[in-house]
PDB file of N, CA and C in Angstrom:
ATOM      1  N   MET A   1      23.083 -34.488   0.195  1.00  0.00           N
ATOM      2  CA  MET A   1      22.267 -33.798  -0.796  1.00  0.00           C
ATOM      3  C   MET A   1      20.969 -33.913  -0.827  1.00  0.00           C
ATOM      4  N   LYS A   2      20.274 -34.908  -0.403  1.00  0.00           N
ATOM      5  CA  LYS A   2      18.685 -35.009  -0.293  1.00  0.00           C
ATOM      6  C   LYS A   2      18.470 -34.138   1.253  1.00  0.00           C
ATOM      7  N   LEU A   3      19.134 -34.042   1.951  1.00  0.00           N
ATOM      8  CA  LEU A   3      19.074 -32.900   3.132  1.00  0.00           C
ATOM      9  C   LEU A   3      19.205 -31.674   2.805  1.00  0.00           C
ATOM     10  N   ALA A   4      20.168 -31.173   2.157  1.00  0.00           N
ATOM     11  CA  ALA A   4      20.361 -29.740   1.577  1.00  0.00           C
ATOM     12  C   ALA A   4      19.061 -29.483   0.580  1.00  0.00           C
ATOM     13  N   THR A   5      18.580 -30.277  -0.225  1.00  0.00           N
ATOM     14  CA  THR A   5      17.516 -30.089  -1.110  1.00  0.00           C
ATOM     15  C   THR A   5      16.129 -29.913  -0.325  1.00  0.00           C
ATOM     16  N   THR A   6      16.126 -30.859   0.873  1.00  0.00           N
ATOM     17  CA  THR A   6      14.916 -30.770   1.510  1.00  0.00           C
ATOM     18  C   THR A   6      14.648 -29.410   2.236  1.00  0.00           C
ATOM     19  N   LEU A   7      15.987 -28.894   2.771  1.00  0.00           N
ATOM     20  CA  LEU A   7      16.108 -27.797   3.607  1.00  0.00           C
ATOM     21  C   LEU A   7      15.673 -26.313   2.714  1.00  0.00           C
ATOM     22  N   LEU A   8      16.158 -26.642   1.308  1.00  0.00           N
ATOM     23  CA  LEU A   8      15.992 -25.624   0.655  1.00  0.00           C
ATOM     24  C   LEU A   8      14.440 -25.277  -0.064  1.00  0.00           C
ATOM     25  N   ASN A   9      13.615 -26.682  -0.109  1.00  0.00           N
ATOM     26  CA  ASN A   9      12.265 -26.618  -0.146  1.00  0.00           C
ATOM     27  C   ASN A   9      11.802 -26.200   0.989  1.00  0.00           C
ATOM     28  N   VAL A  10      12.048 -26.600   1.951  1.00  0.00           N
ATOM     29  CA  VAL A  10      11.322 -25.887   3.476  1.00  0.00           C
ATOM     30  C   VAL A  10      11.351 -24.291   3.229  1.00  0.00           C
ATOM     31  N   ALA A  11      12.961 -23.950   3.150  1.00  0.00           N
ATOM     32  CA  ALA A  11      12.814 -22.258   3.287  1.00  0.00           C
ATOM     33  C   ALA A  11      12.064 -21.702   2.214  1.00  0.00           C
ATOM     34  N   SER A  12      12.014 -22.493   1.129  1.00  0.00           N
ATOM     35  CA  SER A  12      11.218 -21.813  -0.201  1.00  0.00           C
ATOM     36  C   SER A  12       9.842 -21.801   0.179  1.00  0.00           C
ATOM     37  N   ALA A  13       9.130 -22.742   0.974  1.00  0.00           N
ATOM     38  CA  ALA A  13       7.816 -22.840   1.064  1.00  0.00           C
ATOM     39  C   ALA A  13       7.693 -21.574   2.540  1.00  0.00           C
ATOM     40  N   LEU A  14       8.457 -21.646   3.553  1.00  0.00           N
ATOM     41  CA  LEU A  14       8.282 -20.505   4.410  1.00  0.00           C
ATOM     42  C   LEU A  14       8.508 -19.247   3.866  1.00  0.00           C
ATOM     43  N   PHE A  15       9.228 -19.124   3.005  1.00  0.00           N
ATOM     44  CA  PHE A  15       9.244 -17.783   2.518  1.00  0.00           C
ATOM     45  C   PHE A  15       8.234 -17.041   1.358  1.00  0.00           C
ATOM     46  N   ALA A  16       7.812 -18.213   0.697  1.00  0.00           N
ATOM     47  CA  ALA A  16       6.530 -18.142   0.171  1.00  0.00           C
ATOM     48  C   ALA A  16       5.398 -17.750   0.764  1.00  0.00           C
ATOM     49  N   ILE A  17       5.195 -18.386   1.983  1.00  0.00           N
ATOM     50  CA  ILE A  17       4.096 -18.117   2.874  1.00  0.00           C
ATOM     51  C   ILE A  17       4.244 -16.899   3.727  1.00  0.00           C
ATOM     52  N   THR A  18       5.429 -16.338   3.921  1.00  0.00           N
ATOM     53  CA  THR A  18       5.541 -15.155   4.482  1.00  0.00           C
ATOM     54  C   THR A  18       5.569 -14.052   3.673  1.00  0.00           C
ATOM     55  N   ALA A  19       5.804 -14.140   2.240  1.00  0.00           N
ATOM     56  CA  ALA A  19       5.767 -13.414   1.225  1.00  0.00           C
ATOM     57  C   ALA A  19       4.152 -12.943   0.934  1.00  0.00           C
ATOM     58  N   ALA A  20       3.388 -13.868   0.553  1.00  0.00           N
ATOM     59  CA  ALA A  20       2.058 -14.111   0.572  1.00  0.00           C
ATOM     60  C   ALA A  20       1.310 -13.216   1.537  1.00  0.00           C
ATOM     61  N   ILE A  21       1.808 -13.450   2.850  1.00  0.00           N
ATOM     62  CA  ILE A  21       1.048 -12.680   4.266  1.00  0.00           C
ATOM     63  C   ILE A  21       1.277 -11.322   3.995  1.00  0.00           C
ATOM     64  N   LEU A  22       2.479 -10.970   3.809  1.00  0.00           N
ATOM     65  CA  LEU A  22       2.766  -9.459   3.776  1.00  0.00           C
ATOM     66  C   LEU A  22       2.303  -9.183   2.481  1.00  0.00           C
ATOM     67  N   TRP A  23       2.204  -9.674   1.459  1.00  0.00           N
ATOM     68  CA  TRP A  23       1.528  -9.091   0.228  1.00  0.00           C
ATOM     69  C   TRP A  23       0.230  -8.688   0.479  1.00  0.00           C
ATOM     70  N   TRP A  24      -0.636  -9.786   1.089  1.00  0.00           N
ATOM     71  CA  TRP A  24      -2.101  -9.693   1.331  1.00  0.00           C
ATOM     72  C   TRP A  24      -2.092  -8.412   2.365  1.00  0.00           C
ATOM     73  N   ARG A  25      -1.249  -8.106   3.331  1.00  0.00           N
ATOM     74  CA  ARG A  25      -1.333  -7.211   4.194  1.00  0.00           C
ATOM     75  C   ARG A  25      -1.176  -5.859   3.993  1.00  0.00           C
ATOM     76  N   SER A  26      -0.175  -5.730   2.816  1.00  0.00           N
ATOM     77  CA  SER A  26       0.027  -4.479   2.253  1.00  0.00           C
ATOM     78  C   SER A  26      -1.185  -4.239   1.153  1.00  0.00           C
ATOM     79  N   ALA A  27      -2.068  -5.089   0.807  1.00  0.00           N
ATOM     80  CA  ALA A  27      -3.076  -4.909  -0.430  1.00  0.00           C
ATOM     81  C   ALA A  27      -4.391  -4.581   0.479  1.00  0.00           C
ATOM     82  N   VAL A  28      -4.387  -4.901   1.792  1.00  0.00           N
ATOM     83  CA  VAL A  28      -5.742  -4.541   2.482  1.00  0.00           C
ATOM     84  C   VAL A  28      -5.601  -3.514   3.293  1.00  0.00           C
ATOM     85  N   VAL A  29      -4.516  -2.401   3.059  1.00  0.00           N
ATOM     86  CA  VAL A  29      -4.401  -1.133   3.627  1.00  0.00           C
ATOM     87  C   VAL A  29      -5.418  -0.158   3.061  1.00  0.00           C
ATOM     88  N   LYS A  30      -6.315   0.440   4.092  1.00  0.00           N
ATOM     89  CA  LYS A  30      -7.170   1.215   3.704  1.00  0.00           C
ATOM     90  C   LYS A  30      -7.003   2.537   3.339  1.00  0.00           C
ATOM     91  N   THR A  31      -7.355   3.146   2.140  1.00  0.00           N
ATOM     92  CA  THR A  31      -7.425   4.578   1.426  1.00  0.00           C
ATOM     93  C   THR A  31      -8.621   5.498   1.914  1.00  0.00           C
ATOM     94  N   LEU A  32      -8.248   6.517   1.770  1.00  0.00           N
ATOM     95  CA  LEU A  32      -9.373   7.492   2.173  1.00  0.00           C
ATOM     96  C   LEU A  32     -10.308   7.650   1.109  1.00  0.00           C
ATOM     97  N   ASP A  33     -11.574   7.820   1.073  1.00  0.00           N
ATOM     98  CA  ASP A  33     -12.340   8.278   0.044  1.00  0.00           C
ATOM     99  C   ASP A  33     -12.579   9.733  -0.079  1.00  0.00           C
ATOM    100  N   HIS A  34     -12.098  10.570   0.680  1.00  0.00           N
ATOM    101  CA  HIS A  34     -12.146  11.981   0.542  1.00  0.00           C
ATOM    102  C   HIS A  34     -10.939  12.427   0.887  1.00  0.00           C
ATOM    103  N   PHE A  35     -10.523  13.391   0.288  1.00  0.00           N
ATOM    104  CA  PHE A  35      -9.217  13.962   0.664  1.00  0.00           C
ATOM    105  C   PHE A  35      -9.680  15.631   0.947  1.00  0.00           C
ATOM    106  N   SER A  36      -9.206  16.058   2.161  1.00  0.00           N
ATOM    107  CA  SER A  36      -9.387  17.363   2.398  1.00  0.00           C
ATOM    108  C   SER A  36      -8.107  18.135   2.220  1.00  0.00           C
ATOM    109  N   ILE A  37      -8.521  19.408   1.284  1.00  0.00           N
ATOM    110  CA  ILE A  37      -7.583  20.167   0.954  1.00  0.00           C
ATOM    111  C   ILE A  37      -7.682  21.582   1.450  1.00  0.00           C
ATOM    112  N   HIS A  38      -6.889  22.091   2.288  1.00  0.00           N
ATOM    113  CA  HIS A  38      -6.944  23.255   3.051  1.00  0.00           C
ATOM    114  C   HIS A  38      -6.275  24.628   2.069  1.00  0.00           C
ATOM    115  N   VAL A  39      -7.071  25.500   1.934  1.00  0.00           N
ATOM    116  CA  VAL A  39      -6.491  26.591   0.930  1.00  0.00           C
ATOM    117  C   VAL A  39      -6.154  27.550   2.061  1.00  0.00           C
ATOM    118  N   SER A  40      -4.994  28.394   1.815  1.00  0.00           N
ATOM    119  CA  SER A  40      -4.616  29.317   2.535  1.00  0.00           C
ATOM    120  C   SER A  40      -4.116  30.469   1.892  1.00  0.00           C
ATOM    121  N   ARG A  41      -4.089  31.881   2.233  1.00  0.00           N
ATOM    122  CA  ARG A  41      -3.760  32.913   1.618  1.00  0.00           C
ATOM    123  C   ARG A  41      -2.631  33.189   2.334  1.00  0.00           C
ATOM    124  N   PRO A  42      -1.271  33.488   1.654  1.00  0.00           N
ATOM    125  CA  PRO A  42      -0.040  33.934   2.435  1.00  0.00           C
ATOM    126  C   PRO A  42      -0.249  35.497   3.250  1.00  0.00           C
ATOM    127  N   ASN A  43       0.284  35.364   4.212  1.00  0.00           N
ATOM    128  CA  ASN A  43       0.359  36.326   5.126  1.00  0.00           C
ATOM    129  C   ASN A  43       1.779  37.080   5.324  1.00  0.00           C
ATOM    130  N   SER A  44       2.367  37.508   4.403  1.00  0.00           N
ATOM    131  CA  SER A  44       3.598  37.756   4.388  1.00  0.00           C
ATOM    132  C   SER A  44       3.982  39.192   3.393  1.00  0.00           C
ATOM    133  N   PRO A  45       4.622  39.853   3.969  1.00  0.00           N
ATOM    134  CA  PRO A  45       4.961  41.334   3.128  1.00  0.00           C
ATOM    135  C   PRO A  45       5.542  40.930   1.770  1.00  0.00           C
ATOM    136  N   MET A  46       6.260  39.618   1.265  1.00  0.00           N
ATOM    137  CA  MET A  46       6.797  39.142   0.360  1.00  0.00           C
ATOM    138  C   MET A  46       5.920  38.573  -0.635  1.00  0.00           C
ATOM    139  N   GLY A  47       4.588  38.168  -0.331  1.00  0.00           N
ATOM    140  CA  GLY A  47       3.575  37.993  -1.150  1.00  0.00           C
ATOM    141  C   GLY A  47       3.520  36.165  -0.948  1.00  0.00           C
ATOM    142  N   ALA A  48       4.465  35.670  -0.490  1.00  0.00           N
ATOM    143  CA  ALA A  48       4.651  34.037  -0.473  1.00  0.00           C
ATOM    144  C   ALA A  48       4.911  33.824   1.223  1.00  0.00           C
ATOM    145  N   PRO A  49       4.482  32.956   1.610  1.00  0.00           N
ATOM    146  CA  PRO A  49       4.877  32.287   3.005  1.00  0.00           C
ATOM    147  C   PRO A  49       6.404  31.825   2.844  1.00  0.00           C
ATOM    148  N   LEU A  50       6.859  32.069   4.184  1.00  0.00           N
ATOM    149  CA  LEU A  50       8.352  31.048   4.412  1.00  0.00           C
ATOM    150  C   LEU A  50       8.229  29.584   3.720  1.00  0.00           C
ATOM    151  N   GLY A  51       9.345  29.331   3.186  1.00  0.00           N
ATOM    152  CA  GLY A  51       9.281  27.853   2.770  1.00  0.00           C
ATOM    153  C   GLY A  51       8.362  27.429   1.729  1.00  0.00           C
ATOM    154  N   GLY A  52       7.444  28.138   1.148  1.00  0.00           N
ATOM    155  CA  GLY A  52       6.403  27.932   0.162  1.00  0.00           C
ATOM    156  C   GLY A  52       5.261  27.148   0.737  1.00  0.00           C
ATOM    157  N   GLY A  53       5.224  27.061   1.858  1.00  0.00           N
ATOM    158  CA  GLY A  53       3.993  26.463   2.586  1.00  0.00           C
ATOM    159  C   GLY A  53       2.935  27.457   3.073  1.00  0.00           C
ATOM    160  N   PRO A  54       1.964  26.929   3.852  1.00  0.00           N
ATOM    161  CA  PRO A  54       0.967  28.072   4.346  1.00  0.00           C
ATOM    162  C   PRO A  54       1.404  28.637   5.880  1.00  0.00           C
ATOM    163  N   LEU A  55       2.598  28.457   5.951  1.00  0.00           N
ATOM    164  CA  LEU A  55       3.197  29.110   7.391  1.00  0.00           C
ATOM    165  C   LEU A  55       2.884  30.372   7.455  1.00  0.00           C
ATOM    166  N   GLY A  56       2.033  31.013   8.376  1.00  0.00           N
ATOM    167  CA  GLY A  56       1.484  32.281   8.513  1.00  0.00           C
ATOM    168  C   GLY A  56       0.660  32.565   7.557  1.00  0.00           C
ATOM    169  N   GLY A  57       0.119  31.857   7.073  1.00  0.00           N
ATOM    170  CA  GLY A  57      -1.046  32.120   6.073  1.00  0.00           C
ATOM    171  C   GLY A  57      -2.269  32.178   6.553  1.00  0.00           C
ATOM    172  N   VAL A  58      -3.471  32.810   5.823  1.00  0.00           N
ATOM    173  CA  VAL A  58      -5.014  32.835   6.626  1.00  0.00           C
ATOM    174  C   VAL A  58      -5.655  31.806   5.785  1.00  0.00           C
ATOM    175  N   PHE A  59      -6.360  31.211   6.618  1.00  0.00           N
ATOM    176  CA  PHE A  59      -7.491  30.006   6.176  1.00  0.00           C
ATOM    177  C   PHE A  59      -8.120  30.542   5.208  1.00  0.00           C
ATOM    178  N   VAL A  60      -8.332  30.314   4.132  1.00  0.00           N
ATOM    179  CA  VAL A  60      -9.390  30.801   3.209  1.00  0.00           C
ATOM    180  C   VAL A  60     -10.800  29.735   3.040  1.00  0.00           C
ATOM    181  N   GLY A  61     -10.393  28.260   3.081  1.00  0.00           N
ATOM    182  CA  GLY A  61     -11.407  27.254   2.862  1.00  0.00           C
ATOM    183  C   GLY A  61     -10.836  26.036   2.465  1.00  0.00           C
ATOM    184  N   GLN A  62     -11.735  25.400   2.047  1.00  0.00           N
ATOM    185  CA  GLN A  62     -11.531  23.857   1.517  1.00  0.00           C
ATOM    186  C   GLN A  62     -11.722  23.488   0.122  1.00  0.00           C
ATOM    187  N   ALA A  63     -11.006  22.696  -0.268  1.00  0.00           N
ATOM    188  CA  ALA A  63     -11.090  22.417  -1.878  1.00  0.00           C
ATOM    189  C   ALA A  63     -11.434  21.066  -2.078  1.00  0.00           C
ATOM    190  N   HIS A  64     -11.752  20.667  -3.312  1.00  0.00           N
ATOM    191  CA  HIS A  64     -12.049  19.262  -3.766  1.00  0.00           C
ATOM    192  C   HIS A  64     -10.958  19.244  -5.034  1.00  0.00           C
ATOM    193  N   SER A  65     -10.576  17.898  -4.945  1.00  0.00           N
ATOM    194  CA  SER A  65      -9.781  17.541  -6.289  1.00  0.00           C
ATOM    195  C   SER A  65     -10.197  16.298  -6.644  1.00  0.00           C
ATOM    196  N   ASP A  66     -10.770  16.316  -7.949  1.00  0.00           N
ATOM    197  CA  ASP A  66     -11.122  15.070  -8.655  1.00  0.00           C
ATOM    198  C   ASP A  66      -9.968  14.239  -8.817  1.00  0.00           C
ATOM    199  N   ASP A  67      -8.743  14.788  -9.116  1.00  0.00           N
ATOM    200  CA  ASP A  67      -7.518  13.866  -9.352  1.00  0.00           C
ATOM    201  C   ASP A  67      -7.208  12.823  -8.328  1.00  0.00           C
ATOM    202  N   LEU A  68      -7.309  13.510  -6.974  1.00  0.00           N
ATOM    203  CA  LEU A  68      -7.034  12.511  -5.847  1.00  0.00           C
ATOM    204  C   LEU A  68      -8.181  11.523  -5.615  1.00  0.00           C
ATOM    205  N   ILE A  69      -9.369  12.198  -5.979  1.00  0.00           N
ATOM    206  CA  ILE A  69     -10.300  10.965  -5.708  1.00  0.00           C
ATOM    207  C   ILE A  69     -10.315   9.772  -6.839  1.00  0.00           C
ATOM    208  N   ALA A  70      -9.883  10.062  -8.060  1.00  0.00           N
ATOM    209  CA  ALA A  70      -9.303   9.203  -9.015  1.00  0.00           C
ATOM    210  C   ALA A  70      -8.027   8.292  -8.608  1.00  0.00           C
ATOM    211  N   LEU A  71      -7.070   8.813  -8.234  1.00  0.00           N
ATOM    212  CA  LEU A  71      -6.121   8.479  -7.472  1.00  0.00           C
ATOM    213  C   LEU A  71      -6.603   7.307  -6.472  1.00  0.00           C
ATOM    214  N   ALA A  72      -7.305   7.792  -5.388  1.00  0.00           N
ATOM    215  CA  ALA A  72      -7.759   6.907  -4.353  1.00  0.00           C
ATOM    216  C   ALA A  72      -8.515   5.561  -4.803  1.00  0.00           C
ATOM    217  N   ASN A  73      -9.150   6.058  -5.915  1.00  0.00           N
ATOM    218  CA  ASN A  73     -10.107   4.704  -6.485  1.00  0.00           C
ATOM    219  C   ASN A  73      -9.237   3.581  -7.375  1.00  0.00           C
ATOM    220  N   ALA A  74      -8.122   4.466  -7.987  1.00  0.00           N
ATOM    221  CA  ALA A  74      -7.158   3.438  -8.788  1.00  0.00           C
ATOM    222  C   ALA A  74      -6.466   2.553  -7.627  1.00  0.00           C
ATOM    223  N   LEU A  75      -6.241   3.108  -6.563  1.00  0.00           N
ATOM    224  CA  LEU A  75      -5.385   2.637  -5.605  1.00  0.00           C
ATOM    225  C   LEU A  75      -6.132   1.536  -4.981  1.00  0.00           C
ATOM    226  N   LYS A  76      -7.459   1.571  -4.588  1.00  0.00           N
ATOM    227  CA  LYS A  76      -8.347   0.631  -4.135  1.00  0.00           C
ATOM    228  C   LYS A  76      -8.407  -0.376  -5.080  1.00  0.00           C
ATOM    229  N   ARG A  77      -8.841  -0.344  -6.607  1.00  0.00           N
ATOM    230  CA  ARG A  77      -8.807  -1.277  -7.338  1.00  0.00           C
ATOM    231  C   ARG A  77      -7.452  -2.129  -7.471  1.00  0.00           C
ATOM    232  N   GLN A  78      -6.293  -1.437  -7.457  1.00  0.00           N
ATOM    233  CA  GLN A  78      -5.006  -2.118  -7.499  1.00  0.00           C
ATOM    234  C   GLN A  78      -5.055  -2.895  -6.184  1.00  0.00           C
ATOM    235  N   SER A  79      -5.284  -2.452  -4.841  1.00  0.00           N
ATOM    236  CA  SER A  79      -5.162  -3.178  -3.876  1.00  0.00           C
ATOM    237  C   SER A  79      -5.971  -4.308  -4.121  1.00  0.00           C
ATOM    238  N   LYS A  80      -7.378  -4.375  -4.511  1.00  0.00           N
ATOM    239  CA  LYS A  80      -8.031  -5.544  -4.557  1.00  0.00           C
ATOM    240  C   LYS A  80      -7.631  -6.864  -5.516  1.00  0.00           C
ATOM    241  N   PHE A  81      -6.894  -6.300  -6.698  1.00  0.00           N
ATOM    242  CA  PHE A  81      -6.280  -7.219  -7.515  1.00  0.00           C
ATOM    243  C   PHE A  81      -4.965  -7.638  -6.810  1.00  0.00           C
ATOM    244  N   SER A  82      -4.240  -6.821  -5.966  1.00  0.00           N
ATOM    245  CA  SER A  82      -3.012  -7.711  -5.193  1.00  0.00           C
ATOM    246  C   SER A  82      -3.406  -8.411  -4.286  1.00  0.00           C
ATOM    247  N   ALA A  83      -4.620  -7.941  -3.614  1.00  0.00           N
ATOM    248  CA  ALA A  83      -4.896  -9.004  -2.412  1.00  0.00           C
ATOM    249  C   ALA A  83      -5.672 -10.484  -2.949  1.00  0.00           C
ATOM    250  N   TRP A  84      -5.928 -10.345  -4.424  1.00  0.00           N
ATOM    251  CA  TRP A  84      -6.225 -11.770  -4.779  1.00  0.00           C
ATOM    252  C   TRP A  84      -5.080 -12.234  -5.211  1.00  0.00           C
ATOM    253  N   ALA A  85      -3.936 -11.679  -5.617  1.00  0.00           N
ATOM    254  CA  ALA A  85      -2.902 -12.313  -6.058  1.00  0.00           C
ATOM    255  C   ALA A  85      -1.948 -12.856  -4.868  1.00  0.00           C
ATOM    256  N   ALA A  86      -2.231 -12.339  -3.885  1.00  0.00           N
ATOM    257  CA  ALA A  86      -1.574 -12.747  -2.496  1.00  0.00           C
ATOM    258  C   ALA A  86      -2.073 -13.929  -2.147  1.00  0.00           C
ATOM    259  N   ILE A  87      -3.736 -14.134  -2.105  1.00  0.00           N
ATOM    260  CA  ILE A  87      -4.199 -15.440  -1.901  1.00  0.00           C
ATOM    261  C   ILE A  87      -3.968 -16.333  -2.534  1.00  0.00           C
ATOM    262  N   CYS A  88      -3.748 -16.334  -3.816  1.00  0.00           N
ATOM    263  CA  CYS A  88      -3.317 -17.165  -4.994  1.00  0.00           C
ATOM    264  C   CYS A  88      -1.926 -17.660  -4.560  1.00  0.00           C
ATOM    265  N   ALA A  89      -1.027 -16.836  -4.231  1.00  0.00           N
ATOM    266  CA  ALA A  89       0.151 -17.124  -3.997  1.00  0.00           C
ATOM    267  C   ALA A  89       0.426 -17.700  -2.560  1.00  0.00           C
ATOM    268  N   GLY A  90      -0.527 -17.336  -1.706  1.00  0.00           N
ATOM    269  CA  GLY A  90      -0.287 -18.094  -0.375  1.00  0.00           C
ATOM    270  C   GLY A  90      -1.132 -19.558  -0.464  1.00  0.00           C
ATOM    271  N   ILE A  91      -1.960 -19.831  -1.510  1.00  0.00           N
ATOM    272  CA  ILE A  91      -2.453 -20.989  -1.496  1.00  0.00           C
ATOM    273  C   ILE A  91      -1.520 -21.781  -2.330  1.00  0.00           C
ATOM    274  N   SER A  92      -0.727 -21.364  -3.292  1.00  0.00           N
ATOM    275  CA  SER A  92       0.667 -22.003  -3.926  1.00  0.00           C
ATOM    276  C   SER A  92       1.416 -22.557  -3.044  1.00  0.00           C
ATOM    277  N   ALA A  93       1.841 -21.471  -2.008  1.00  0.00           N
ATOM    278  CA  ALA A  93       2.741 -21.842  -0.788  1.00  0.00           C
ATOM    279  C   ALA A  93       2.534 -22.804   0.091  1.00  0.00           C
ATOM    280  N   ILE A  94       1.053 -22.966   0.424  1.00  0.00           N
ATOM    281  CA  ILE A  94       0.619 -24.151   1.168  1.00  0.00           C
ATOM    282  C   ILE A  94       0.520 -25.252   0.286  1.00  0.00           C
ATOM    283  N   CYS A  95       0.514 -25.268  -0.764  1.00  0.00           N
ATOM    284  CA  CYS A  95       0.375 -26.591  -1.611  1.00  0.00           C
ATOM    285  C   CYS A  95       1.900 -27.179  -1.671  1.00  0.00           C
ATOM    286  N   GLN A  96       2.843 -25.971  -1.619  1.00  0.00           N
ATOM    287  CA  GLN A  96       4.134 -26.618  -1.591  1.00  0.00           C
ATOM    288  C   GLN A  96       4.473 -27.209  -0.503  1.00  0.00           C
ATOM    289  N   ALA A  97       4.222 -26.463   0.755  1.00  0.00           N
ATOM    290  CA  ALA A  97       4.400 -27.009   2.072  1.00  0.00           C
ATOM    291  C   ALA A  97       3.735 -27.937   2.302  1.00  0.00           C
ATOM    292  N   SER A  98       2.748 -28.668   1.938  1.00  0.00           N
ATOM    293  CA  SER A  98       1.999 -29.724   1.883  1.00  0.00           C
ATOM    294  C   SER A  98       2.477 -30.729   1.244  1.00  0.00           C
ATOM    295  N   SER A  99       3.386 -30.360   0.108  1.00  0.00           N
ATOM    296  CA  SER A  99       3.864 -31.668  -0.658  1.00  0.00           C
ATOM    297  C   SER A  99       4.877 -31.958  -0.135  1.00  0.00           C
ATOM    298  N   LEU A 100       5.707 -31.190   0.800  1.00  0.00           N
ATOM    299  CA  LEU A 100       7.133 -31.497   1.340  1.00  0.00           C
ATOM    300  C   LEU A 100       6.398 -32.573   2.544  1.00  0.00           C
ATOM    301  N   LEU A 101       5.281 -32.217   3.126  1.00  0.00           N
ATOM    302  CA  LEU A 101       4.904 -32.936   4.429  1.00  0.00           C
ATOM    303  C   LEU A 101       4.538 -34.545   3.924  1.00  0.00           C
ATOM    304  N   ALA A 102       3.940 -34.623   2.763  1.00  0.00           N
ATOM    305  CA  ALA A 102       3.531 -35.885   2.271  1.00  0.00           C
ATOM    306  C   ALA A 102       4.504 -36.817   2.038  1.00  0.00           C
TER     307      ALA A 102
END
């Protein structure tokens, strides 16, 4: 019974450390500061390009979206909190693993 409990504690510590590492890695993914939006005019007799995309369209210029910039800023802020949470989870997992070795 003691061996099974020890194995479960070791597995728990290993999975906690792995989860903290994966969580931290996902939190530090870089997001863009600027999003390029290409504007095109449909170039077909029906008035709309095939499939609804810019296929066969004529490039008109670039646009700017405050909504996309706000989204990028929110994702960055979320990632910072997530990174700190992953660090705390990692410290907790290391403490748990250390208690098993003591």
